């Protein structure tokens, strides 16, 4: 007979943090684990985590003071990576111990995890994937959007820009218009982050009722005024007549 309990899980998104954010998070776990009766024996001792955090903090202070030598930045990367791996090791200990103590009581497991300074993994949200990156390759990516209407007259606009990390909106955007629902772009350097948006452009014959209904479903349909002859009317007081999707981000391999 098989038995299984639901488990609370810890977020391990440390690679999305910069060195300063990693230090702040590490200090939180040091405080949370110190004297924590539920979690008395972390895999990496608190003293070791404190020492590793201090190494990263010292390098950051030197960089802030103006020392941006390649030797120092390389050392920062190495020390931050050591700290990150230690935090991940302790995260596994905290998660396993919390779930063992809770024995299926998710609220109790979550309370123990949060008391340690770690964060809970967010439950995945279901969505329609109306717009997504379906593949990446060296120097580029392939994005795809669902068609808003089964018509050959539908067109699409994609705009993109390079940014520093996921979640940071690009400052400079380049727009491409095309008739296809697939958008393949190449020529990037490996390792950079690209933010991408999309909007559908439908012919005027579909009318406002159709557009309004589709906007609720797709959330990225162009809505603009149309003349009696079916020509789009642009208002100079409205600089962007398009309804753009949220940004999606991709790291170029």
Protein backbone atom coordinates (compact mmCIF):
# COMPACT_ATOMS: atom_id res chain seq x y z
CA UNK A 1 0.00 0.00 0.00
CA UNK A 2 1.32 3.44 -0.94
CA UNK A 3 1.15 6.42 1.37
CA UNK A 4 1.93 10.01 0.45
CA UNK A 5 1.64 13.34 2.23
CA UNK A 6 1.48 16.70 0.56
CA UNK A 7 4.70 18.67 0.98
CA UNK A 8 5.50 22.33 1.38
CA UNK A 9 8.39 23.35 -0.84
CA UNK A 10 11.06 26.02 -0.65
CA UNK A 11 11.80 28.48 -3.45
CA UNK A 12 15.31 27.97 -4.84
CA UNK A 13 15.41 30.98 -7.17
CA UNK A 14 18.84 32.10 -5.99
CA UNK A 15 20.24 32.45 -9.50
CA UNK A 16 17.85 35.36 -10.09
CA UNK A 17 19.48 37.27 -7.21
CA UNK A 18 22.49 39.54 -7.54
CA UNK A 19 25.28 39.32 -4.93
CA UNK A 20 23.79 42.04 -2.73
CA UNK A 21 20.37 40.37 -2.70
CA UNK A 22 22.03 37.03 -1.91
CA UNK A 23 23.73 38.59 1.13
CA UNK A 24 20.43 40.04 2.37
CA UNK A 25 18.71 36.67 1.98
CA UNK A 26 21.57 34.83 3.67
CA UNK A 27 21.45 37.17 6.67
CA UNK A 28 17.74 36.37 6.93
CA UNK A 29 18.44 32.64 7.14
CA UNK A 30 21.18 33.20 9.71
CA UNK A 31 18.70 35.05 11.90
CA UNK A 32 15.94 32.51 11.24
CA UNK A 33 18.01 29.42 11.99
CA UNK A 34 19.84 30.76 15.03
CA UNK A 35 18.21 29.18 18.07
CA UNK A 36 15.42 27.63 15.98
CA UNK A 37 14.22 24.64 18.03
CA UNK A 38 12.58 22.98 15.01
CA UNK A 39 15.75 23.25 12.91
CA UNK A 40 18.70 22.70 15.26
CA UNK A 41 21.18 21.03 12.89
CA UNK A 42 21.40 22.71 9.46
CA UNK A 43 23.57 20.85 6.95
CA UNK A 44 25.90 23.84 6.65
CA UNK A 45 26.64 25.30 10.06
CA UNK A 46 25.39 28.82 10.76
CA UNK A 47 28.96 29.90 11.51
CA UNK A 48 30.05 28.74 8.04
CA UNK A 49 27.17 30.60 6.37
CA UNK A 50 28.10 33.73 8.34
CA UNK A 51 31.73 33.45 7.20
CA UNK A 52 30.74 32.97 3.53
CA UNK A 53 28.30 35.89 3.75
CA UNK A 54 31.06 38.05 5.22
CA UNK A 55 33.38 37.23 2.30
CA UNK A 56 30.78 38.40 -0.24
CA UNK A 57 29.94 41.49 1.82
CA UNK A 58 33.62 42.50 1.99
CA UNK A 59 34.07 42.22 -1.78
CA UNK A 60 30.90 44.22 -2.40
CA UNK A 61 32.19 47.00 -0.14
CA UNK A 62 35.47 47.14 -2.08
CA UNK A 63 33.60 47.36 -5.39
CA UNK A 64 31.34 50.09 -3.98
CA UNK A 65 34.49 51.99 -2.99
CA UNK A 66 35.64 52.01 -6.62
CA UNK A 67 37.68 48.84 -7.10
CA UNK A 68 36.18 47.22 -10.22
CA UNK A 69 39.19 45.11 -11.20
CA UNK A 70 38.56 41.86 -13.03
CA UNK A 71 40.28 39.95 -10.23
CA UNK A 72 37.82 41.32 -7.66
CA UNK A 73 34.71 40.77 -9.80
CA UNK A 74 35.84 37.22 -10.54
CA UNK A 75 36.36 36.63 -6.82
CA UNK A 76 32.86 38.00 -6.14
CA UNK A 77 31.37 35.51 -8.58
CA UNK A 78 33.24 32.62 -6.95
CA UNK A 79 32.37 33.59 -3.36
CA UNK A 80 28.72 34.27 -4.24
CA UNK A 81 28.49 30.87 -5.92
CA UNK A 82 29.87 29.15 -2.79
CA UNK A 83 27.31 30.98 -0.65
CA UNK A 84 24.47 30.14 -3.03
CA UNK A 85 25.32 26.42 -2.96
CA UNK A 86 25.39 26.47 0.85
CA UNK A 87 21.99 28.16 0.97
CA UNK A 88 20.59 25.52 -1.39
CA UNK A 89 22.03 22.72 0.77
CA UNK A 90 20.42 24.17 3.89
CA UNK A 91 17.17 24.72 2.00
CA UNK A 92 16.89 20.98 1.39
CA UNK A 93 17.49 20.34 5.10
CA UNK A 94 14.86 22.90 6.14
CA UNK A 95 12.29 21.56 3.67
CA UNK A 96 12.79 17.90 4.63
CA UNK A 97 12.80 18.59 8.36
CA UNK A 98 9.75 20.87 8.23
CA UNK A 99 7.70 18.32 6.29
CA UNK A 100 8.80 15.47 8.56
CA UNK A 101 7.73 17.36 11.67
CA UNK A 102 4.45 18.51 10.09
CA UNK A 103 3.57 15.02 8.81
CA UNK A 104 1.17 16.28 6.16
CA UNK A 105 0.04 19.44 7.99
CA UNK A 106 0.93 22.00 5.30
CA UNK A 107 0.21 25.00 7.50
CA UNK A 108 2.65 23.71 10.12
CA UNK A 109 5.32 22.93 7.51
CA UNK A 110 4.97 26.39 6.00
CA UNK A 111 5.28 27.99 9.44
CA UNK A 112 8.55 26.15 10.09
CA UNK A 113 9.95 27.03 6.66
CA UNK A 114 9.11 30.72 7.02
CA UNK A 115 10.61 30.80 10.51
CA UNK A 116 13.95 29.76 9.00
CA UNK A 117 14.18 32.80 6.70
CA UNK A 118 13.53 30.77 3.56
CA UNK A 119 10.65 31.47 1.20
CA UNK A 120 7.90 29.17 0.01
CA UNK A 121 7.80 28.04 -3.59
CA UNK A 122 4.82 29.66 -5.29
CA UNK A 123 2.20 27.36 -6.76
CA UNK A 124 2.22 27.36 -10.54
CA UNK A 125 -0.59 29.39 -12.05
CA UNK A 126 -2.50 27.94 -14.97
CA UNK A 127 -2.75 30.18 -17.98
CA UNK A 128 -3.74 29.91 -21.61
CA UNK A 129 -0.23 30.45 -22.97
CA UNK A 130 -1.62 32.78 -25.58
CA UNK A 131 1.94 34.09 -26.04
CA UNK A 132 5.07 32.11 -25.17
CA UNK A 133 8.65 31.30 -26.07
CA UNK A 134 8.57 27.76 -27.41
CA UNK A 135 12.28 27.28 -28.10
CA UNK A 136 15.71 28.85 -27.71
CA UNK A 137 18.87 28.22 -29.67
CA UNK A 138 22.40 29.64 -29.72
CA UNK A 139 21.99 33.35 -30.36
CA UNK A 140 18.20 33.44 -30.65
CA UNK A 141 14.68 32.35 -29.75
CA UNK A 142 11.35 31.26 -31.25
CA UNK A 143 8.17 32.90 -29.86
CA UNK A 144 4.60 31.99 -30.80
CA UNK A 145 1.15 33.46 -30.21
CA UNK A 146 -2.33 31.97 -30.62
CA UNK A 147 -4.31 33.45 -33.47
CA UNK A 148 -7.11 35.74 -32.34
CA UNK A 149 -9.23 34.92 -35.41
CA UNK A 150 -9.16 32.28 -38.12
CA UNK A 151 -8.43 34.65 -40.95
CA UNK A 152 -5.54 35.24 -43.33
CA UNK A 153 -5.96 38.97 -42.86
CA UNK A 154 -4.84 38.94 -39.25
CA UNK A 155 -1.36 40.35 -38.59
CA UNK A 156 0.90 40.62 -35.57
CA UNK A 157 3.30 43.05 -33.99
CA UNK A 158 6.17 41.94 -31.78
CA UNK A 159 8.50 44.25 -29.92
CA UNK A 160 11.58 43.35 -27.91
CA UNK A 161 14.54 44.79 -26.07
CA UNK A 162 17.63 43.72 -24.14
CA UNK A 163 17.41 44.03 -20.35
CA UNK A 164 19.54 43.32 -17.29
CA UNK A 165 17.45 40.51 -15.75
CA UNK A 166 14.04 38.84 -15.86
CA UNK A 167 11.28 41.12 -14.65
CA UNK A 168 13.07 44.34 -15.62
CA UNK A 169 11.27 46.05 -18.52
CA UNK A 170 13.65 46.89 -21.42
CA UNK A 171 14.31 50.61 -21.85
CA UNK A 172 14.68 50.49 -25.65
CA UNK A 173 12.25 48.47 -27.77
CA UNK A 174 12.40 47.44 -31.43
CA UNK A 175 9.10 46.61 -33.18
CA UNK A 176 8.53 44.10 -35.98
CA UNK A 177 5.25 43.64 -37.88
CA UNK A 178 4.47 40.36 -39.63
CA UNK A 179 1.59 38.22 -40.88
CA UNK A 180 2.77 35.08 -39.08
CA UNK A 181 1.96 34.00 -35.52
CA UNK A 182 5.54 32.71 -35.13
CA UNK A 183 8.39 35.10 -34.39
CA UNK A 184 11.97 33.79 -34.77
CA UNK A 185 14.82 36.17 -33.98
CA UNK A 186 18.58 35.57 -33.98
CA UNK A 187 21.85 37.47 -33.80
CA UNK A 188 22.10 37.92 -30.02
CA UNK A 189 25.11 37.29 -27.80
CA UNK A 190 24.86 34.33 -25.44
CA UNK A 191 23.82 35.07 -21.88
CA UNK A 192 21.81 38.24 -22.45
CA UNK A 193 18.18 38.60 -21.35
CA UNK A 194 15.53 39.70 -23.87
CA UNK A 195 12.02 40.95 -23.00
CA UNK A 196 9.31 40.42 -25.65
CA UNK A 197 5.74 41.72 -26.12
CA UNK A 198 3.02 41.01 -28.68
CA UNK A 199 -0.24 42.43 -30.00
CA UNK A 200 -2.70 41.12 -32.61
CA UNK A 201 -3.89 43.46 -35.35
CA UNK A 202 -7.28 42.50 -36.76
CA UNK A 203 -8.98 43.91 -39.87
CA UNK A 204 -11.65 46.52 -39.24
CA UNK A 205 -14.49 44.31 -40.54
CA UNK A 206 -14.50 42.36 -37.26
CA UNK A 207 -15.96 45.41 -35.49
CA UNK A 208 -15.81 46.62 -31.92
CA UNK A 209 -17.97 43.86 -30.45
CA UNK A 210 -15.67 41.15 -31.72
CA UNK A 211 -12.57 43.04 -30.60
CA UNK A 212 -13.93 43.65 -27.11
CA UNK A 213 -14.81 39.97 -26.68
CA UNK A 214 -11.43 38.83 -27.94
CA UNK A 215 -9.58 41.27 -25.73
CA UNK A 216 -11.07 39.62 -22.68
CA UNK A 217 -9.77 36.25 -23.90
CA UNK A 218 -6.38 37.17 -25.38
CA UNK A 219 -5.63 40.38 -23.48
CA UNK A 220 -3.50 41.59 -26.37
CA UNK A 221 -5.81 42.79 -29.17
CA UNK A 222 -5.52 46.13 -30.90
CA UNK A 223 -8.53 48.39 -30.39
CA UNK A 224 -8.76 51.63 -32.34
CA UNK A 225 -11.38 53.81 -33.95
CA UNK A 226 -12.45 53.00 -37.50
CA UNK A 227 -13.93 55.33 -40.11
CA UNK A 228 -17.11 54.61 -42.08
CA UNK A 229 -14.95 53.26 -44.90
CA UNK A 230 -13.12 50.93 -42.56
CA UNK A 231 -9.89 52.88 -42.28
CA UNK A 232 -8.20 53.07 -38.85
CA UNK A 233 -8.25 56.49 -37.20
CA UNK A 234 -5.27 57.50 -35.09
CA UNK A 235 -5.47 60.19 -32.44
CA UNK A 236 -2.30 62.17 -31.82
CA UNK A 237 -3.26 62.37 -28.13
CA UNK A 238 -2.95 58.57 -27.91
CA UNK A 239 0.71 57.75 -28.69
CA UNK A 240 0.23 53.96 -28.66
CA UNK A 241 -3.12 52.61 -29.99
CA UNK A 242 -2.11 49.00 -29.37
CA UNK A 243 -2.93 46.82 -26.38
CA UNK A 244 0.30 44.96 -25.66
CA UNK A 245 0.68 41.69 -23.80
CA UNK A 246 2.75 41.43 -20.64
CA UNK A 247 6.47 40.96 -21.20
CA UNK A 248 7.90 37.47 -21.38
CA UNK A 249 11.63 37.03 -20.87
CA UNK A 250 14.18 34.67 -22.33
CA UNK A 251 17.88 34.09 -21.59
CA UNK A 252 19.77 33.56 -24.85
CA UNK A 253 21.86 30.34 -24.75
